[in-house]
Amino acid sequence: MDWRAHIVVDPTVCHGKACFRGTRILVSVVLDNLAAGEPAESILESYPSLPREAIGAAISYAADLARERVVALPA
């Protein structure tokens, strides 16, 4: 999935944080919910303006970020 079709960063929207195109829903909010075990259907119900493709786009975006940045983990 090409997340770039669904996720934008605009300095005038949400303080320049990644959000879904046409919304003010932060990608981090969706990822936090997924990480907490929230089912995709529940997230979509909570955010009715969020298209179904946004869930996959958020995961693809996170995967790209994980490839680009190294986060130090405790041994």
PDB file of N, CA and C in Angstrom:
ATOM      1  N   MET A   1       0.840  -1.186   0.000  1.00  0.00           N
ATOM      2  CA  MET A   1       0.000   0.000   0.000  1.00  0.00           C
ATOM      3  C   MET A   1       0.879   1.241   0.000  1.00  0.00           C
ATOM      4  N   ASP A   2       0.507   2.211  -0.819  1.00  0.00           N
ATOM      5  CA  ASP A   2       1.221   3.483  -0.832  1.00  0.00           C
ATOM      6  C   ASP A   2       0.526   4.433   0.139  1.00  0.00           C
ATOM      7  N   TRP A   3       1.097   4.556   1.323  1.00  0.00           N
ATOM      8  CA  TRP A   3       0.486   5.383   2.360  1.00  0.00           C
ATOM      9  C   TRP A   3       0.456   6.856   1.978  1.00  0.00           C
ATOM     10  N   ARG A   4       1.302   7.263   1.046  1.00  0.00           N
ATOM     11  CA  ARG A   4       1.375   8.686   0.661  1.00  0.00           C
ATOM     12  C   ARG A   4       0.065   9.205   0.067  1.00  0.00           C
ATOM     13  N   ALA A   5      -0.766   8.316  -0.415  1.00  0.00           N
ATOM     14  CA  ALA A   5      -2.061   8.723  -0.959  1.00  0.00           C
ATOM     15  C   ALA A   5      -3.065   9.028   0.150  1.00  0.00           C
ATOM     16  N   HIS A   6      -2.748   8.627   1.381  1.00  0.00           N
ATOM     17  CA  HIS A   6      -3.704   8.747   2.479  1.00  0.00           C
ATOM     18  C   HIS A   6      -3.230   9.628   3.633  1.00  0.00           C
ATOM     19  N   ILE A   7      -1.918   9.833   3.735  1.00  0.00           N
ATOM     20  CA  ILE A   7      -1.351  10.536   4.885  1.00  0.00           C
ATOM     21  C   ILE A   7      -0.625  11.790   4.415  1.00  0.00           C
ATOM     22  N   VAL A   8      -0.882  12.882   5.118  1.00  0.00           N
ATOM     23  CA  VAL A   8      -0.253  14.158   4.766  1.00  0.00           C
ATOM     24  C   VAL A   8       0.352  14.803   6.007  1.00  0.00           C
ATOM     25  N   VAL A   9       1.309  15.673   5.753  1.00  0.00           N
ATOM     26  CA  VAL A   9       1.884  16.501   6.812  1.00  0.00           C
ATOM     27  C   VAL A   9       1.810  17.934   6.314  1.00  0.00           C
ATOM     28  N   ASP A  10       1.048  18.744   7.024  1.00  0.00           N
ATOM     29  CA  ASP A  10       0.849  20.146   6.661  1.00  0.00           C
ATOM     30  C   ASP A  10       1.100  20.973   7.912  1.00  0.00           C
ATOM     31  N   PRO A  11       2.056  21.901   7.855  1.00  0.00           N
ATOM     32  CA  PRO A  11       2.374  22.689   9.049  1.00  0.00           C
ATOM     33  C   PRO A  11       1.186  23.478   9.604  1.00  0.00           C
ATOM     34  N   THR A  12       0.159  23.692   8.790  1.00  0.00           N
ATOM     35  CA  THR A  12      -1.003  24.453   9.255  1.00  0.00           C
ATOM     36  C   THR A  12      -2.119  23.567   9.801  1.00  0.00           C
ATOM     37  N   VAL A  13      -1.907  22.246   9.754  1.00  0.00           N
ATOM     38  CA  VAL A  13      -2.924  21.309  10.252  1.00  0.00           C
ATOM     39  C   VAL A  13      -2.277  20.423  11.320  1.00  0.00           C
ATOM     40  N   CYS A  14      -2.896  20.362  12.474  1.00  0.00           N
ATOM     41  CA  CYS A  14      -2.429  19.498  13.577  1.00  0.00           C
ATOM     42  C   CYS A  14      -0.960  19.738  13.915  1.00  0.00           C
ATOM     43  N   HIS A  15      -0.546  20.981  13.870  1.00  0.00           N
ATOM     44  CA  HIS A  15       0.832  21.361  14.219  1.00  0.00           C
ATOM     45  C   HIS A  15       1.871  20.623  13.391  1.00  0.00           C
ATOM     46  N   GLY A  16       1.519  20.255  12.163  1.00  0.00           N
ATOM     47  CA  GLY A  16       2.459  19.605  11.267  1.00  0.00           C
ATOM     48  C   GLY A  16       2.672  18.127  11.523  1.00  0.00           C
ATOM     49  N   LYS A  17       1.815  17.524  12.341  1.00  0.00           N
ATOM     50  CA  LYS A  17       1.934  16.088  12.598  1.00  0.00           C
ATOM     51  C   LYS A  17       1.189  15.318  11.507  1.00  0.00           C
ATOM     52  N   ALA A  18       1.630  14.106  11.248  1.00  0.00           N
ATOM     53  CA  ALA A  18       1.023  13.287  10.201  1.00  0.00           C
ATOM     54  C   ALA A  18      -0.439  13.003  10.535  1.00  0.00           C
ATOM     55  N   CYS A  19      -1.310  13.283   9.569  1.00  0.00           N
ATOM     56  CA  CYS A  19      -2.730  12.995   9.734  1.00  0.00           C
ATOM     57  C   CYS A  19      -3.277  12.480   8.412  1.00  0.00           C
ATOM     58  N   PHE A  20      -4.488  11.967   8.466  1.00  0.00           N
ATOM     59  CA  PHE A  20      -5.092  11.403   7.278  1.00  0.00           C
ATOM     60  C   PHE A  20      -5.679  12.510   6.411  1.00  0.00           C
ATOM     61  N   ARG A  21      -5.435  12.403   5.127  1.00  0.00           N
ATOM     62  CA  ARG A  21      -5.867  13.409   4.155  1.00  0.00           C
ATOM     63  C   ARG A  21      -7.341  13.758   4.352  1.00  0.00           C
ATOM     64  N   GLY A  22      -7.623  15.051   4.424  1.00  0.00           N
ATOM     65  CA  GLY A  22      -8.998  15.519   4.557  1.00  0.00           C
ATOM     66  C   GLY A  22      -9.563  15.446   5.956  1.00  0.00           C
ATOM     67  N   THR A  23      -8.739  15.051   6.940  1.00  0.00           N
ATOM     68  CA  THR A  23      -9.202  14.967   8.324  1.00  0.00           C
ATOM     69  C   THR A  23      -8.182  15.639   9.239  1.00  0.00           C
ATOM     70  N   ARG A  24      -8.509  15.678  10.500  1.00  0.00           N
ATOM     71  CA  ARG A  24      -7.565  16.106  11.534  1.00  0.00           C
ATOM     72  C   ARG A  24      -7.283  14.932  12.474  1.00  0.00           C
ATOM     73  N   ILE A  25      -7.420  13.743  11.947  1.00  0.00           N
ATOM     74  CA  ILE A  25      -7.164  12.532  12.731  1.00  0.00           C
ATOM     75  C   ILE A  25      -5.690  12.177  12.576  1.00  0.00           C
ATOM     76  N   LEU A  26      -4.978  12.176  13.687  1.00  0.00           N
ATOM     77  CA  LEU A  26      -3.555  11.887  13.662  1.00  0.00           C
ATOM     78  C   LEU A  26      -3.298  10.406  13.398  1.00  0.00           C
ATOM     79  N   VAL A  27      -2.290  10.145  12.606  1.00  0.00           N
ATOM     80  CA  VAL A  27      -1.891   8.769  12.335  1.00  0.00           C
ATOM     81  C   VAL A  27      -1.478   8.096  13.644  1.00  0.00           C
ATOM     82  N   SER A  28      -0.831   8.844  14.515  1.00  0.00           N
ATOM     83  CA  SER A  28      -0.378   8.277  15.792  1.00  0.00           C
ATOM     84  C   SER A  28      -1.545   7.795  16.643  1.00  0.00           C
ATOM     85  N   VAL A  29      -2.699   8.432  16.545  1.00  0.00           N
ATOM     86  CA  VAL A  29      -3.875   8.005  17.305  1.00  0.00           C
ATOM     87  C   VAL A  29      -4.326   6.629  16.829  1.00  0.00           C
ATOM     88  N   VAL A  30      -4.364   6.433  15.526  1.00  0.00           N
ATOM     89  CA  VAL A  30      -4.767   5.141  14.985  1.00  0.00           C
ATOM     90  C   VAL A  30      -3.739   4.073  15.354  1.00  0.00           C
ATOM     91  N   LEU A  31      -2.453   4.396  15.236  1.00  0.00           N
ATOM     92  CA  LEU A  31      -1.414   3.424  15.589  1.00  0.00           C
ATOM     93  C   LEU A  31      -1.450   3.084  17.074  1.00  0.00           C
ATOM     94  N   ASP A  32      -1.672   4.080  17.920  1.00  0.00           N
ATOM     95  CA  ASP A  32      -1.787   3.818  19.363  1.00  0.00           C
ATOM     96  C   ASP A  32      -2.942   2.868  19.659  1.00  0.00           C
ATOM     97  N   ASN A  33      -4.064   3.087  18.986  1.00  0.00           N
ATOM     98  CA  ASN A  33      -5.223   2.216  19.180  1.00  0.00           C
ATOM     99  C   ASN A  33      -4.941   0.792  18.709  1.00  0.00           C
ATOM    100  N   LEU A  34      -4.304   0.661  17.556  1.00  0.00           N
ATOM    101  CA  LEU A  34      -3.950  -0.669  17.062  1.00  0.00           C
ATOM    102  C   LEU A  34      -2.975  -1.359  18.013  1.00  0.00           C
ATOM    103  N   ALA A  35      -1.991  -0.618  18.500  1.00  0.00           N
ATOM    104  CA  ALA A  35      -1.000  -1.184  19.422  1.00  0.00           C
ATOM    105  C   ALA A  35      -1.645  -1.629  20.728  1.00  0.00           C
ATOM    106  N   ALA A  36      -2.716  -0.960  21.114  1.00  0.00           N
ATOM    107  CA  ALA A  36      -3.422  -1.320  22.346  1.00  0.00           C
ATOM    108  C   ALA A  36      -4.370  -2.501  22.139  1.00  0.00           C
ATOM    109  N   GLY A  37      -4.412  -3.011  20.895  1.00  0.00           N
ATOM    110  CA  GLY A  37      -5.257  -4.168  20.625  1.00  0.00           C
ATOM    111  C   GLY A  37      -6.663  -3.837  20.160  1.00  0.00           C
ATOM    112  N   GLU A  38      -6.902  -2.578  19.898  1.00  0.00           N
ATOM    113  CA  GLU A  38      -8.231  -2.170  19.430  1.00  0.00           C
ATOM    114  C   GLU A  38      -8.455  -2.713  18.016  1.00  0.00           C
ATOM    115  N   PRO A  39      -9.574  -3.367  17.760  1.00  0.00           N
ATOM    116  CA  PRO A  39      -9.835  -3.876  16.409  1.00  0.00           C
ATOM    117  C   PRO A  39     -10.049  -2.731  15.418  1.00  0.00           C
ATOM    118  N   ALA A  40      -9.651  -2.958  14.184  1.00  0.00           N
ATOM    119  CA  ALA A  40      -9.800  -1.936  13.141  1.00  0.00           C
ATOM    120  C   ALA A  40     -11.246  -1.465  13.037  1.00  0.00           C
ATOM    121  N   GLU A  41     -12.195  -2.391  13.136  1.00  0.00           N
ATOM    122  CA  GLU A  41     -13.612  -2.018  13.033  1.00  0.00           C
ATOM    123  C   GLU A  41     -14.012  -1.013  14.114  1.00  0.00           C
ATOM    124  N   SER A  42     -13.495  -1.209  15.297  1.00  0.00           N
ATOM    125  CA  SER A  42     -13.811  -0.307  16.405  1.00  0.00           C
ATOM    126  C   SER A  42     -13.230   1.090  16.164  1.00  0.00           C
ATOM    127  N   ILE A  43     -12.026   1.125  15.624  1.00  0.00           N
ATOM    128  CA  ILE A  43     -11.396   2.420  15.310  1.00  0.00           C
ATOM    129  C   ILE A  43     -12.212   3.137  14.247  1.00  0.00           C
ATOM    130  N   LEU A  44     -12.627   2.420  13.228  1.00  0.00           N
ATOM    131  CA  LEU A  44     -13.423   3.026  12.159  1.00  0.00           C
ATOM    132  C   LEU A  44     -14.776   3.511  12.667  1.00  0.00           C
ATOM    133  N   GLU A  45     -15.352   2.809  13.624  1.00  0.00           N
ATOM    134  CA  GLU A  45     -16.609   3.265  14.228  1.00  0.00           C
ATOM    135  C   GLU A  45     -16.396   4.542  15.039  1.00  0.00           C
ATOM    136  N   SER A  46     -15.248   4.616  15.717  1.00  0.00           N
ATOM    137  CA  SER A  46     -14.950   5.796  16.542  1.00  0.00           C
ATOM    138  C   SER A  46     -14.645   7.027  15.694  1.00  0.00           C
ATOM    139  N   TYR A  47     -14.131   6.807  14.501  1.00  0.00           N
ATOM    140  CA  TYR A  47     -13.765   7.904  13.597  1.00  0.00           C
ATOM    141  C   TYR A  47     -14.457   7.690  12.256  1.00  0.00           C
ATOM    142  N   PRO A  48     -15.747   8.032  12.164  1.00  0.00           N
ATOM    143  CA  PRO A  48     -16.523   7.741  10.952  1.00  0.00           C
ATOM    144  C   PRO A  48     -16.000   8.413   9.683  1.00  0.00           C
ATOM    145  N   SER A  49     -15.236   9.489   9.813  1.00  0.00           N
ATOM    146  CA  SER A  49     -14.697  10.144   8.616  1.00  0.00           C
ATOM    147  C   SER A  49     -13.434   9.460   8.110  1.00  0.00           C
ATOM    148  N   LEU A  50     -12.970   8.461   8.828  1.00  0.00           N
ATOM    149  CA  LEU A  50     -11.753   7.745   8.459  1.00  0.00           C
ATOM    150  C   LEU A  50     -12.097   6.631   7.466  1.00  0.00           C
ATOM    151  N   PRO A  51     -11.488   6.655   6.282  1.00  0.00           N
ATOM    152  CA  PRO A  51     -11.766   5.573   5.326  1.00  0.00           C
ATOM    153  C   PRO A  51     -11.088   4.271   5.760  1.00  0.00           C
ATOM    154  N   ARG A  52     -11.635   3.171   5.360  1.00  0.00           N
ATOM    155  CA  ARG A  52     -11.108   1.847   5.719  1.00  0.00           C
ATOM    156  C   ARG A  52      -9.634   1.702   5.344  1.00  0.00           C
ATOM    157  N   GLU A  53      -9.238   2.289   4.219  1.00  0.00           N
ATOM    158  CA  GLU A  53      -7.853   2.178   3.753  1.00  0.00           C
ATOM    159  C   GLU A  53      -6.867   2.848   4.696  1.00  0.00           C
ATOM    160  N   ALA A  54      -7.358   3.718   5.562  1.00  0.00           N
ATOM    161  CA  ALA A  54      -6.489   4.451   6.482  1.00  0.00           C
ATOM    162  C   ALA A  54      -5.767   3.515   7.452  1.00  0.00           C
ATOM    163  N   ILE A  55      -6.399   2.421   7.813  1.00  0.00           N
ATOM    164  CA  ILE A  55      -5.771   1.484   8.752  1.00  0.00           C
ATOM    165  C   ILE A  55      -4.510   0.892   8.128  1.00  0.00           C
ATOM    166  N   GLY A  56      -4.623   0.395   6.919  1.00  0.00           N
ATOM    167  CA  GLY A  56      -3.456  -0.147   6.215  1.00  0.00           C
ATOM    168  C   GLY A  56      -2.410   0.912   5.947  1.00  0.00           C
ATOM    169  N   ALA A  57      -2.866   2.126   5.624  1.00  0.00           N
ATOM    170  CA  ALA A  57      -1.930   3.217   5.367  1.00  0.00           C
ATOM    171  C   ALA A  57      -1.132   3.548   6.623  1.00  0.00           C
ATOM    172  N   ALA A  58      -1.787   3.538   7.768  1.00  0.00           N
ATOM    173  CA  ALA A  58      -1.098   3.823   9.027  1.00  0.00           C
ATOM    174  C   ALA A  58      -0.026   2.772   9.312  1.00  0.00           C
ATOM    175  N   ILE A  59      -0.349   1.520   9.071  1.00  0.00           N
ATOM    176  CA  ILE A  59       0.609   0.441   9.306  1.00  0.00           C
ATOM    177  C   ILE A  59       1.782   0.551   8.328  1.00  0.00           C
ATOM    178  N   SER A  60       1.507   0.844   7.076  1.00  0.00           N
ATOM    179  CA  SER A  60       2.568   1.008   6.077  1.00  0.00           C
ATOM    180  C   SER A  60       3.465   2.192   6.417  1.00  0.00           C
ATOM    181  N   TYR A  61       2.853   3.273   6.876  1.00  0.00           N
ATOM    182  CA  TYR A  61       3.606   4.464   7.290  1.00  0.00           C
ATOM    183  C   TYR A  61       4.540   4.115   8.444  1.00  0.00           C
ATOM    184  N   ALA A  62       4.029   3.405   9.434  1.00  0.00           N
ATOM    185  CA  ALA A  62       4.840   3.011  10.585  1.00  0.00           C
ATOM    186  C   ALA A  62       5.980   2.090  10.159  1.00  0.00           C
ATOM    187  N   ALA A  63       5.704   1.189   9.236  1.00  0.00           N
ATOM    188  CA  ALA A  63       6.747   0.284   8.745  1.00  0.00           C
ATOM    189  C   ALA A  63       7.856   1.067   8.055  1.00  0.00           C
ATOM    190  N   ASP A  64       7.492   2.059   7.249  1.00  0.00           N
ATOM    191  CA  ASP A  64       8.507   2.897   6.595  1.00  0.00           C
ATOM    192  C   ASP A  64       9.332   3.658   7.625  1.00  0.00           C
ATOM    193  N   LEU A  65       8.675   4.201   8.621  1.00  0.00           N
ATOM    194  CA  LEU A  65       9.410   4.922   9.662  1.00  0.00           C
ATOM    195  C   LEU A  65      10.370   3.999  10.400  1.00  0.00           C
ATOM    196  N   ALA A  66       9.950   2.782  10.650  1.00  0.00           N
ATOM    197  CA  ALA A  66      10.795   1.826  11.366  1.00  0.00           C
ATOM    198  C   ALA A  66      12.035   1.467  10.554  1.00  0.00           C
ATOM    199  N   ARG A  67      11.915   1.485   9.241  1.00  0.00           N
ATOM    200  CA  ARG A  67      13.071   1.200   8.399  1.00  0.00           C
ATOM    201  C   ARG A  67      14.046   2.360   8.361  1.00  0.00           C
ATOM    202  N   GLU A  68      13.564   3.561   8.580  1.00  0.00           N
ATOM    203  CA  GLU A  68      14.384   4.753   8.438  1.00  0.00           C
ATOM    204  C   GLU A  68      15.065   5.208   9.714  1.00  0.00           C
ATOM    205  N   ARG A  69      14.571   4.799  10.846  1.00  0.00           N
ATOM    206  CA  ARG A  69      15.088   5.323  12.092  1.00  0.00           C
ATOM    207  C   ARG A  69      15.381   4.191  13.061  1.00  0.00           C
ATOM    208  N   VAL A  70      16.488   4.305  13.726  1.00  0.00           N
ATOM    209  CA  VAL A  70      16.851   3.295  14.710  1.00  0.00           C
ATOM    210  C   VAL A  70      16.485   3.832  16.081  1.00  0.00           C
ATOM    211  N   VAL A  71      15.742   3.057  16.837  1.00  0.00           N
ATOM    212  CA  VAL A  71      15.365   3.439  18.194  1.00  0.00           C
ATOM    213  C   VAL A  71      16.159   2.555  19.142  1.00  0.00           C
ATOM    214  N   ALA A  72      16.899   3.181  20.032  1.00  0.00           N
ATOM    215  CA  ALA A  72      17.713   2.408  20.986  1.00  0.00           C
ATOM    216  C   ALA A  72      16.805   1.652  21.939  1.00  0.00           C
ATOM    217  N   LEU A  73      17.061   0.369  22.069  1.00  0.00           N
ATOM    218  CA  LEU A  73      16.281  -0.476  22.969  1.00  0.00           C
ATOM    219  C   LEU A  73      17.176  -0.949  24.108  1.00  0.00           C
ATOM    220  N   PRO A  74      16.633  -1.021  25.326  1.00  0.00           N
ATOM    221  CA  PRO A  74      17.451  -1.504  26.434  1.00  0.00           C
ATOM    222  C   PRO A  74      17.832  -2.972  26.216  1.00  0.00           C
ATOM    223  N   ALA A  75      19.016  -3.309  26.659  1.00  0.00           N
ATOM    224  CA  ALA A  75      19.512  -4.692  26.482  1.00  0.00           C
ATOM    225  C   ALA A  75      18.857  -5.647  27.453  1.00  0.00           C
TER     226      ALA A  75
END
